[in-house]
Amino acid sequence: MKLVRGETSHPTGRSFAELGGKKSEINVQDRFDRGIVKHELPHLAGVDDLYNKQTGLPDPARGDGIMNKVPGIVDEYVTGEIRRCAVLGT
C-alpha cells in the first residue's frame, strides 16, 4: 500500500486497490478520515465493490456497508467475502 498526497496513478486519480492483487494507492486527502482505507483494503483480499460502478454512487438496496459507500460499516459481506477468498485462495 502506497500513501500519496493528491492524485494516485489510477486513471481517475482516486484511491484504489487491485481486486485480489498486491497494489493499492490511498490518497490521504480522499476521505482518509472517513473510511477509504477500510474500503480499499478488502479489495486486496478479493472483495468487490457493491456500489453502482457506472455512476459511482451507493446502491440503496445494498445497505450501509463499506463496500457500498464511504463512510460505511465493515459488515458481514466484507468479513464473509474475506473468509471465502481465503478458503478459495483468491
PDB file of N, CA and C in Angstrom:
ATOM      1  N   MET A   1       0.853  -1.168   0.000  1.00  0.00           N
ATOM      2  CA  MET A   1       0.000   0.000   0.000  1.00  0.00           C
ATOM      3  C   MET A   1       0.893   1.223   0.000  1.00  0.00           C
ATOM      4  N   LYS A   2       0.561   2.124  -0.898  1.00  0.00           N
ATOM      5  CA  LYS A   2       1.302   3.369  -1.009  1.00  0.00           C
ATOM      6  C   LYS A   2       0.370   4.518  -0.639  1.00  0.00           C
ATOM      7  N   LEU A   3       0.821   5.366   0.260  1.00  0.00           N
ATOM      8  CA  LEU A   3       0.058   6.550   0.634  1.00  0.00           C
ATOM      9  C   LEU A   3       0.580   7.734  -0.169  1.00  0.00           C
ATOM     10  N   VAL A   4      -0.338   8.468  -0.775  1.00  0.00           N
ATOM     11  CA  VAL A   4       0.044   9.643  -1.565  1.00  0.00           C
ATOM     12  C   VAL A   4      -0.777  10.841  -1.117  1.00  0.00           C
ATOM     13  N   ARG A   5      -0.257  12.001  -1.372  1.00  0.00           N
ATOM     14  CA  ARG A   5      -0.990  13.239  -1.100  1.00  0.00           C
ATOM     15  C   ARG A   5      -1.377  13.802  -2.457  1.00  0.00           C
ATOM     16  N   GLY A   6      -2.646  13.676  -2.798  1.00  0.00           N
ATOM     17  CA  GLY A   6      -3.117  14.105  -4.108  1.00  0.00           C
ATOM     18  C   GLY A   6      -3.479  12.906  -4.971  1.00  0.00           C
ATOM     19  N   GLU A   7      -3.517  13.106  -6.273  1.00  0.00           N
ATOM     20  CA  GLU A   7      -3.978  12.063  -7.183  1.00  0.00           C
ATOM     21  C   GLU A   7      -3.068  10.839  -7.161  1.00  0.00           C
ATOM     22  N   THR A   8      -3.695   9.670  -7.327  1.00  0.00           N
ATOM     23  CA  THR A   8      -2.962   8.414  -7.432  1.00  0.00           C
ATOM     24  C   THR A   8      -2.653   8.145  -8.898  1.00  0.00           C
ATOM     25  N   SER A   9      -2.035   6.997  -9.171  1.00  0.00           N
ATOM     26  CA  SER A   9      -1.724   6.626 -10.551  1.00  0.00           C
ATOM     27  C   SER A   9      -2.922   6.034 -11.290  1.00  0.00           C
ATOM     28  N   HIS A  10      -4.027   5.830 -10.587  1.00  0.00           N
ATOM     29  CA  HIS A  10      -5.243   5.313 -11.228  1.00  0.00           C
ATOM     30  C   HIS A  10      -5.743   6.336 -12.249  1.00  0.00           C
ATOM     31  N   PRO A  11      -6.336   5.888 -13.368  1.00  0.00           N
ATOM     32  CA  PRO A  11      -6.826   6.837 -14.378  1.00  0.00           C
ATOM     33  C   PRO A  11      -7.776   7.910 -13.826  1.00  0.00           C
ATOM     34  N   THR A  12      -8.513   7.584 -12.770  1.00  0.00           N
ATOM     35  CA  THR A  12      -9.422   8.567 -12.170  1.00  0.00           C
ATOM     36  C   THR A  12      -8.717   9.476 -11.180  1.00  0.00           C
ATOM     37  N   GLY A  13      -7.513   9.082 -10.762  1.00  0.00           N
ATOM     38  CA  GLY A  13      -6.787   9.842  -9.752  1.00  0.00           C
ATOM     39  C   GLY A  13      -7.210   9.546  -8.328  1.00  0.00           C
ATOM     40  N   ARG A  14      -8.211   8.669  -8.178  1.00  0.00           N
ATOM     41  CA  ARG A  14      -8.749   8.366  -6.843  1.00  0.00           C
ATOM     42  C   ARG A  14      -8.023   7.197  -6.200  1.00  0.00           C
ATOM     43  N   SER A  15      -8.264   7.017  -4.917  1.00  0.00           N
ATOM     44  CA  SER A  15      -7.709   5.879  -4.189  1.00  0.00           C
ATOM     45  C   SER A  15      -8.199   4.590  -4.827  1.00  0.00           C
ATOM     46  N   PHE A  16      -7.344   3.557  -4.799  1.00  0.00           N
ATOM     47  CA  PHE A  16      -7.728   2.280  -5.394  1.00  0.00           C
ATOM     48  C   PHE A  16      -6.913   1.145  -4.788  1.00  0.00           C
ATOM     49  N   ALA A  17      -7.400  -0.062  -5.010  1.00  0.00           N
ATOM     50  CA  ALA A  17      -6.664  -1.280  -4.688  1.00  0.00           C
ATOM     51  C   ALA A  17      -7.048  -2.320  -5.726  1.00  0.00           C
ATOM     52  N   GLU A  18      -6.071  -3.102  -6.163  1.00  0.00           N
ATOM     53  CA  GLU A  18      -6.338  -4.155  -7.135  1.00  0.00           C
ATOM     54  C   GLU A  18      -7.182  -5.244  -6.483  1.00  0.00           C
ATOM     55  N   LEU A  19      -8.192  -5.705  -7.189  1.00  0.00           N
ATOM     56  CA  LEU A  19      -9.048  -6.778  -6.684  1.00  0.00           C
ATOM     57  C   LEU A  19      -8.249  -8.074  -6.641  1.00  0.00           C
ATOM     58  N   GLY A  20      -7.994  -8.557  -5.434  1.00  0.00           N
ATOM     59  CA  GLY A  20      -7.212  -9.776  -5.268  1.00  0.00           C
ATOM     60  C   GLY A  20      -5.745  -9.589  -5.620  1.00  0.00           C
ATOM     61  N   GLY A  21      -5.298  -8.354  -5.672  1.00  0.00           N
ATOM     62  CA  GLY A  21      -3.932  -8.062  -6.097  1.00  0.00           C
ATOM     63  C   GLY A  21      -3.013  -7.683  -4.964  1.00  0.00           C
ATOM     64  N   LYS A  22      -1.965  -6.991  -5.336  1.00  0.00           N
ATOM     65  CA  LYS A  22      -0.953  -6.599  -4.362  1.00  0.00           C
ATOM     66  C   LYS A  22      -0.682  -5.102  -4.370  1.00  0.00           C
ATOM     67  N   LYS A  23      -1.407  -4.358  -5.187  1.00  0.00           N
ATOM     68  CA  LYS A  23      -1.137  -2.933  -5.324  1.00  0.00           C
ATOM     69  C   LYS A  23      -2.315  -2.105  -4.839  1.00  0.00           C
ATOM     70  N   SER A  24      -2.002  -1.084  -4.062  1.00  0.00           N
ATOM     71  CA  SER A  24      -3.015  -0.164  -3.577  1.00  0.00           C
ATOM     72  C   SER A  24      -2.370   1.195  -3.393  1.00  0.00           C
ATOM     73  N   GLU A  25      -3.089   2.222  -3.785  1.00  0.00           N
ATOM     74  CA  GLU A  25      -2.650   3.589  -3.529  1.00  0.00           C
ATOM     75  C   GLU A  25      -3.804   4.326  -2.867  1.00  0.00           C
ATOM     76  N   ILE A  26      -3.506   4.943  -1.749  1.00  0.00           N
ATOM     77  CA  ILE A  26      -4.507   5.673  -0.992  1.00  0.00           C
ATOM     78  C   ILE A  26      -4.120   7.148  -0.975  1.00  0.00           C
ATOM     79  N   ASN A  27      -5.018   7.989  -1.462  1.00  0.00           N
ATOM     80  CA  ASN A  27      -4.835   9.427  -1.403  1.00  0.00           C
ATOM     81  C   ASN A  27      -5.262   9.867  -0.006  1.00  0.00           C
ATOM     82  N   VAL A  28      -4.318  10.351   0.780  1.00  0.00           N
ATOM     83  CA  VAL A  28      -4.635  10.721   2.165  1.00  0.00           C
ATOM     84  C   VAL A  28      -5.565  11.928   2.241  1.00  0.00           C
ATOM     85  N   GLN A  29      -5.825  12.570   1.108  1.00  0.00           N
ATOM     86  CA  GLN A  29      -6.763  13.689   1.065  1.00  0.00           C
ATOM     87  C   GLN A  29      -8.137  13.245   0.556  1.00  0.00           C
ATOM     88  N   ASP A  30      -8.289  11.962   0.245  1.00  0.00           N
ATOM     89  CA  ASP A  30      -9.540  11.406  -0.308  1.00  0.00           C
ATOM     90  C   ASP A  30     -10.277  10.614   0.769  1.00  0.00           C
ATOM     91  N   ARG A  31     -11.071  11.272   1.579  1.00  0.00           N
ATOM     92  CA  ARG A  31     -11.910  10.634   2.593  1.00  0.00           C
ATOM     93  C   ARG A  31     -11.122   9.740   3.541  1.00  0.00           C
ATOM     94  N   PHE A  32      -9.844  10.070   3.755  1.00  0.00           N
ATOM     95  CA  PHE A  32      -8.966   9.258   4.595  1.00  0.00           C
ATOM     96  C   PHE A  32      -9.538   9.064   5.990  1.00  0.00           C
ATOM     97  N   ASP A  33     -10.079  10.131   6.556  1.00  0.00           N
ATOM     98  CA  ASP A  33     -10.634  10.062   7.908  1.00  0.00           C
ATOM     99  C   ASP A  33     -12.065   9.530   7.929  1.00  0.00           C
ATOM    100  N   ARG A  34     -12.612   9.220   6.759  1.00  0.00           N
ATOM    101  CA  ARG A  34     -13.999   8.750   6.691  1.00  0.00           C
ATOM    102  C   ARG A  34     -14.109   7.275   6.316  1.00  0.00           C
ATOM    103  N   GLY A  35     -12.979   6.600   6.065  1.00  0.00           N
ATOM    104  CA  GLY A  35     -13.053   5.167   5.846  1.00  0.00           C
ATOM    105  C   GLY A  35     -12.546   4.650   4.517  1.00  0.00           C
ATOM    106  N   ILE A  36     -11.843   5.462   3.735  1.00  0.00           N
ATOM    107  CA  ILE A  36     -11.392   4.974   2.438  1.00  0.00           C
ATOM    108  C   ILE A  36     -10.443   3.782   2.585  1.00  0.00           C
ATOM    109  N   VAL A  37      -9.629   3.771   3.644  1.00  0.00           N
ATOM    110  CA  VAL A  37      -8.716   2.644   3.858  1.00  0.00           C
ATOM    111  C   VAL A  37      -9.516   1.373   4.133  1.00  0.00           C
ATOM    112  N   LYS A  38     -10.546   1.477   4.976  1.00  0.00           N
ATOM    113  CA  LYS A  38     -11.396   0.310   5.261  1.00  0.00           C
ATOM    114  C   LYS A  38     -12.102  -0.172   4.003  1.00  0.00           C
ATOM    115  N   HIS A  39     -12.332   0.716   3.045  1.00  0.00           N
ATOM    116  CA  HIS A  39     -12.966   0.325   1.782  1.00  0.00           C
ATOM    117  C   HIS A  39     -11.953  -0.335   0.840  1.00  0.00           C
ATOM    118  N   GLU A  40     -10.769   0.215   0.727  1.00  0.00           N
ATOM    119  CA  GLU A  40      -9.801  -0.285  -0.252  1.00  0.00           C
ATOM    120  C   GLU A  40      -9.107  -1.579   0.178  1.00  0.00           C
ATOM    121  N   LEU A  41      -8.777  -1.734   1.440  1.00  0.00           N
ATOM    122  CA  LEU A  41      -8.053  -2.926   1.890  1.00  0.00           C
ATOM    123  C   LEU A  41      -8.757  -4.242   1.560  1.00  0.00           C
ATOM    124  N   PRO A  42     -10.074  -4.372   1.738  1.00  0.00           N
ATOM    125  CA  PRO A  42     -10.717  -5.641   1.383  1.00  0.00           C
ATOM    126  C   PRO A  42     -10.562  -6.022  -0.093  1.00  0.00           C
ATOM    127  N   HIS A  43     -10.356  -5.036  -0.976  1.00  0.00           N
ATOM    128  CA  HIS A  43     -10.132  -5.370  -2.387  1.00  0.00           C
ATOM    129  C   HIS A  43      -8.905  -6.260  -2.546  1.00  0.00           C
ATOM    130  N   LEU A  44      -7.861  -6.003  -1.756  1.00  0.00           N
ATOM    131  CA  LEU A  44      -6.645  -6.801  -1.851  1.00  0.00           C
ATOM    132  C   LEU A  44      -6.909  -8.263  -1.493  1.00  0.00           C
ATOM    133  N   ALA A  45      -7.917  -8.497  -0.665  1.00  0.00           N
ATOM    134  CA  ALA A  45      -8.298  -9.865  -0.294  1.00  0.00           C
ATOM    135  C   ALA A  45      -9.274 -10.478  -1.296  1.00  0.00           C
ATOM    136  N   GLY A  46      -9.729  -9.681  -2.275  1.00  0.00           N
ATOM    137  CA  GLY A  46     -10.640 -10.198  -3.293  1.00  0.00           C
ATOM    138  C   GLY A  46     -12.081  -9.755  -3.145  1.00  0.00           C
ATOM    139  N   VAL A  47     -12.364  -8.830  -2.237  1.00  0.00           N
ATOM    140  CA  VAL A  47     -13.730  -8.363  -2.005  1.00  0.00           C
ATOM    141  C   VAL A  47     -14.059  -7.256  -3.013  1.00  0.00           C
ATOM    142  N   ASP A  48     -15.145  -7.437  -3.760  1.00  0.00           N
ATOM    143  CA  ASP A  48     -15.522  -6.481  -4.801  1.00  0.00           C
ATOM    144  C   ASP A  48     -16.435  -5.387  -4.257  1.00  0.00           C
ATOM    145  N   ASP A  49     -16.560  -4.321  -5.032  1.00  0.00           N
ATOM    146  CA  ASP A  49     -17.447  -3.216  -4.690  1.00  0.00           C
ATOM    147  C   ASP A  49     -18.913  -3.618  -4.785  1.00  0.00           C
ATOM    148  N   LEU A  50     -19.750  -2.923  -4.034  1.00  0.00           N
ATOM    149  CA  LEU A  50     -21.191  -3.110  -4.122  1.00  0.00           C
ATOM    150  C   LEU A  50     -21.894  -1.885  -4.698  1.00  0.00           C
ATOM    151  N   TYR A  51     -21.213  -0.749  -4.748  1.00  0.00           N
ATOM    152  CA  TYR A  51     -21.852   0.454  -5.283  1.00  0.00           C
ATOM    153  C   TYR A  51     -22.037   0.315  -6.796  1.00  0.00           C
ATOM    154  N   ASN A  52     -22.819   1.209  -7.365  1.00  0.00           N
ATOM    155  CA  ASN A  52     -23.067   1.207  -8.804  1.00  0.00           C
ATOM    156  C   ASN A  52     -21.786   1.665  -9.502  1.00  0.00           C
ATOM    157  N   LYS A  53     -21.116   0.770 -10.199  1.00  0.00           N
ATOM    158  CA  LYS A  53     -19.827   1.084 -10.817  1.00  0.00           C
ATOM    159  C   LYS A  53     -19.960   2.050 -11.990  1.00  0.00           C
ATOM    160  N   GLN A  54     -21.139   2.143 -12.569  1.00  0.00           N
ATOM    161  CA  GLN A  54     -21.323   3.070 -13.685  1.00  0.00           C
ATOM    162  C   GLN A  54     -21.481   4.509 -13.206  1.00  0.00           C
ATOM    163  N   THR A  55     -22.174   4.689 -12.087  1.00  0.00           N
ATOM    164  CA  THR A  55     -22.387   6.047 -11.582  1.00  0.00           C
ATOM    165  C   THR A  55     -21.425   6.404 -10.449  1.00  0.00           C
ATOM    166  N   GLY A  56     -20.860   5.391  -9.785  1.00  0.00           N
ATOM    167  CA  GLY A  56     -20.009   5.633  -8.625  1.00  0.00           C
ATOM    168  C   GLY A  56     -20.788   5.937  -7.369  1.00  0.00           C
ATOM    169  N   LEU A  57     -22.114   5.808  -7.453  1.00  0.00           N
ATOM    170  CA  LEU A  57     -22.968   6.129  -6.308  1.00  0.00           C
ATOM    171  C   LEU A  57     -23.371   4.874  -5.555  1.00  0.00           C
ATOM    172  N   PRO A  58     -23.632   4.997  -4.242  1.00  0.00           N
ATOM    173  CA  PRO A  58     -24.105   3.855  -3.468  1.00  0.00           C
ATOM    174  C   PRO A  58     -25.417   3.319  -4.031  1.00  0.00           C
ATOM    175  N   ASP A  59     -25.595   2.012  -3.907  1.00  0.00           N
ATOM    176  CA  ASP A  59     -26.840   1.356  -4.295  1.00  0.00           C
ATOM    177  C   ASP A  59     -27.685   1.232  -3.032  1.00  0.00           C
ATOM    178  N   PRO A  60     -28.791   1.984  -2.916  1.00  0.00           N
ATOM    179  CA  PRO A  60     -29.602   1.949  -1.691  1.00  0.00           C
ATOM    180  C   PRO A  60     -30.026   0.541  -1.277  1.00  0.00           C
ATOM    181  N   ALA A  61     -30.178  -0.355  -2.229  1.00  0.00           N
ATOM    182  CA  ALA A  61     -30.590  -1.727  -1.919  1.00  0.00           C
ATOM    183  C   ALA A  61     -29.465  -2.537  -1.293  1.00  0.00           C
ATOM    184  N   ARG A  62     -28.242  -2.033  -1.344  1.00  0.00           N
ATOM    185  CA  ARG A  62     -27.083  -2.775  -0.842  1.00  0.00           C
ATOM    186  C   ARG A  62     -26.654  -2.364   0.562  1.00  0.00           C
ATOM    187  N   GLY A  63     -27.381  -1.470   1.199  1.00  0.00           N
ATOM    188  CA  GLY A  63     -27.153  -1.153   2.605  1.00  0.00           C
ATOM    189  C   GLY A  63     -26.035  -0.174   2.886  1.00  0.00           C
ATOM    190  N   ASP A  64     -25.578  -0.207   4.144  1.00  0.00           N
ATOM    191  CA  ASP A  64     -24.619   0.767   4.658  1.00  0.00           C
ATOM    192  C   ASP A  64     -23.196   0.231   4.746  1.00  0.00           C
ATOM    193  N   GLY A  65     -22.932  -0.880   4.091  1.00  0.00           N
ATOM    194  CA  GLY A  65     -21.605  -1.480   4.158  1.00  0.00           C
ATOM    195  C   GLY A  65     -20.534  -0.640   3.484  1.00  0.00           C
ATOM    196  N   ILE A  66     -19.301  -0.794   3.955  1.00  0.00           N
ATOM    197  CA  ILE A  66     -18.170  -0.013   3.468  1.00  0.00           C
ATOM    198  C   ILE A  66     -17.869  -0.272   1.992  1.00  0.00           C
ATOM    199  N   MET A  67     -18.283  -1.402   1.446  1.00  0.00           N
ATOM    200  CA  MET A  67     -18.036  -1.666   0.030  1.00  0.00           C
ATOM    201  C   MET A  67     -19.116  -1.032  -0.850  1.00  0.00           C
ATOM    202  N   ASN A  68     -20.146  -0.487  -0.226  1.00  0.00           N
ATOM    203  CA  ASN A  68     -21.202   0.215  -0.952  1.00  0.00           C
ATOM    204  C   ASN A  68     -21.032   1.727  -0.845  1.00  0.00           C
ATOM    205  N   LYS A  69     -20.573   2.197   0.316  1.00  0.00           N
ATOM    206  CA  LYS A  69     -20.425   3.645   0.486  1.00  0.00           C
ATOM    207  C   LYS A  69     -19.380   3.960   1.545  1.00  0.00           C
ATOM    208  N   VAL A  70     -18.773   5.125   1.394  1.00  0.00           N
ATOM    209  CA  VAL A  70     -17.787   5.621   2.346  1.00  0.00           C
ATOM    210  C   VAL A  70     -18.284   6.970   2.836  1.00  0.00           C
ATOM    211  N   PRO A  71     -18.482   7.157   4.148  1.00  0.00           N
ATOM    212  CA  PRO A  71     -18.232   6.169   5.190  1.00  0.00           C
ATOM    213  C   PRO A  71     -19.305   5.082   5.201  1.00  0.00           C
ATOM    214  N   GLY A  72     -18.933   3.962   5.706  1.00  0.00           N
ATOM    215  CA  GLY A  72     -19.836   2.823   5.833  1.00  0.00           C
ATOM    216  C   GLY A  72     -19.327   1.909   6.935  1.00  0.00           C
ATOM    217  N   ILE A  73     -20.017   0.811   7.138  1.00  0.00           N
ATOM    218  CA  ILE A  73     -19.623  -0.117   8.197  1.00  0.00           C
ATOM    219  C   ILE A  73     -18.970  -1.365   7.596  1.00  0.00           C
ATOM    220  N   VAL A  74     -18.059  -1.950   8.351  1.00  0.00           N
ATOM    221  CA  VAL A  74     -17.489  -3.240   7.960  1.00  0.00           C
ATOM    222  C   VAL A  74     -18.528  -4.276   8.365  1.00  0.00           C
ATOM    223  N   ASP A  75     -19.226  -4.798   7.372  1.00  0.00           N
ATOM    224  CA  ASP A  75     -20.368  -5.669   7.635  1.00  0.00           C
ATOM    225  C   ASP A  75     -20.068  -7.126   7.308  1.00  0.00           C
ATOM    226  N   GLU A  76     -21.083  -7.966   7.404  1.00  0.00           N
ATOM    227  CA  GLU A  76     -20.936  -9.399   7.159  1.00  0.00           C
ATOM    228  C   GLU A  76     -20.508  -9.688   5.724  1.00  0.00           C
ATOM    229  N   TYR A  77     -20.883  -8.850   4.785  1.00  0.00           N
ATOM    230  CA  TYR A  77     -20.436  -9.053   3.400  1.00  0.00           C
ATOM    231  C   TYR A  77     -18.906  -9.025   3.339  1.00  0.00           C
ATOM    232  N   VAL A  78     -18.298  -8.024   3.952  1.00  0.00           N
ATOM    233  CA  VAL A  78     -16.842  -7.895   3.913  1.00  0.00           C
ATOM    234  C   VAL A  78     -16.173  -9.061   4.618  1.00  0.00           C
ATOM    235  N   THR A  79     -16.574  -9.340   5.839  1.00  0.00           N
ATOM    236  CA  THR A  79     -15.921 -10.417   6.591  1.00  0.00           C
ATOM    237  C   THR A  79     -16.174 -11.777   5.946  1.00  0.00           C
ATOM    238  N   GLY A  80     -17.382 -11.990   5.441  1.00  0.00           N
ATOM    239  CA  GLY A  80     -17.695 -13.250   4.774  1.00  0.00           C
ATOM    240  C   GLY A  80     -16.913 -13.430   3.490  1.00  0.00           C
ATOM    241  N   GLU A  81     -16.770 -12.363   2.711  1.00  0.00           N
ATOM    242  CA  GLU A  81     -16.007 -12.439   1.461  1.00  0.00           C
ATOM    243  C   GLU A  81     -14.517 -12.650   1.723  1.00  0.00           C
ATOM    244  N   ILE A  82     -13.990 -12.027   2.766  1.00  0.00           N
ATOM    245  CA  ILE A  82     -12.582 -12.252   3.103  1.00  0.00           C
ATOM    246  C   ILE A  82     -12.364 -13.713   3.478  1.00  0.00           C
ATOM    247  N   ARG A  83     -13.280 -14.275   4.283  1.00  0.00           N
ATOM    248  CA  ARG A  83     -13.166 -15.693   4.644  1.00  0.00           C
ATOM    249  C   ARG A  83     -13.275 -16.575   3.406  1.00  0.00           C
ATOM    250  N   ARG A  84     -14.223 -16.271   2.526  1.00  0.00           N
ATOM    251  CA  ARG A  84     -14.435 -17.071   1.308  1.00  0.00           C
ATOM    252  C   ARG A  84     -13.204 -17.020   0.420  1.00  0.00           C
ATOM    253  N   CYS A  85     -12.661 -15.847   0.229  1.00  0.00           N
ATOM    254  CA  CYS A  85     -11.486 -15.693  -0.634  1.00  0.00           C
ATOM    255  C   CYS A  85     -10.275 -16.395  -0.028  1.00  0.00           C
ATOM    256  N   ALA A  86     -10.154 -16.373   1.301  1.00  0.00           N
ATOM    257  CA  ALA A  86      -9.031 -17.045   1.963  1.00  0.00           C
ATOM    258  C   ALA A  86      -9.124 -18.562   1.755  1.00  0.00           C
ATOM    259  N   VAL A  87     -10.329 -19.095   1.848  1.00  0.00           N
ATOM    260  CA  VAL A  87     -10.528 -20.536   1.667  1.00  0.00           C
ATOM    261  C   VAL A  87     -10.245 -20.937   0.218  1.00  0.00           C
ATOM    262  N   LEU A  88     -10.706 -20.113  -0.726  1.00  0.00           N
ATOM    263  CA  LEU A  88     -10.525 -20.414  -2.143  1.00  0.00           C
ATOM    264  C   LEU A  88      -9.135 -20.054  -2.648  1.00  0.00           C
ATOM    265  N   GLY A  89      -8.429 -19.242  -1.874  1.00  0.00           N
ATOM    266  CA  GLY A  89      -7.099 -18.835  -2.291  1.00  0.00           C
ATOM    267  C   GLY A  89      -7.088 -17.794  -3.392  1.00  0.00           C
ATOM    268  N   THR A  90      -8.184 -16.993  -3.457  1.00  0.00           N
ATOM    269  CA  THR A  90      -8.229 -15.955  -4.489  1.00  0.00           C
ATOM    270  C   THR A  90      -7.873 -14.614  -3.920  1.00  0.00           C
TER     271      THR A  90
END
